[in-house]
């Protein structure tokens, strides 16, 4: 986990479920074959209902149709992000698209655990409703150590909830590497 992350924001609404993050129809690609796994990035967030991007309907897709990587580093979400099935592919797809951080008001427990356990994206919780204060395309900077998020576009700063114990897992890369380094497994 980097100490500072910079990039563009992609704003979504409340209760974004795992089928909106990566629709089941796109779960046909191998996670281990690089030529196939990149399609998880291409189709990340393609299941959002119209108008969920925080912009006029259909204005900005998360990943352009002919690309495998997104221009957006941050996903800013409302409450209950990652609800739905226990699909591990959801945080993986976001990572594969190039997202590094999801900042939501709250998470579905299974998405949060999958994000942390696999080290796919950093799941910060916001203290305020950021989806009403940040716009898609805003340039953001996050100090992951202090939890200070700066909107470079507007000049506003926000204090996020601390990561707590999961910070050590994310610093190691994933839960298995953390367990190895902590001497919990061979």
Foldseek 3Di string as FASTA:
>chain_A
DDQKDKAFEFEFEEQCALCQQPNPVLPPFDCPDVVGVLVLQLRGNVNDDFPGRLDHGPDDDQHPNVDSAGRGQEYEYEEAPHDDDLDLSRLQSCLSNNHAEYEYQYYDVSNQQSCLQQLRHHYWYFPDRCSVVGHGGFMWMARLVQQWIARPRVRDIGRIDHPPPSVQSNVLRHDVSSCVVVVVDD
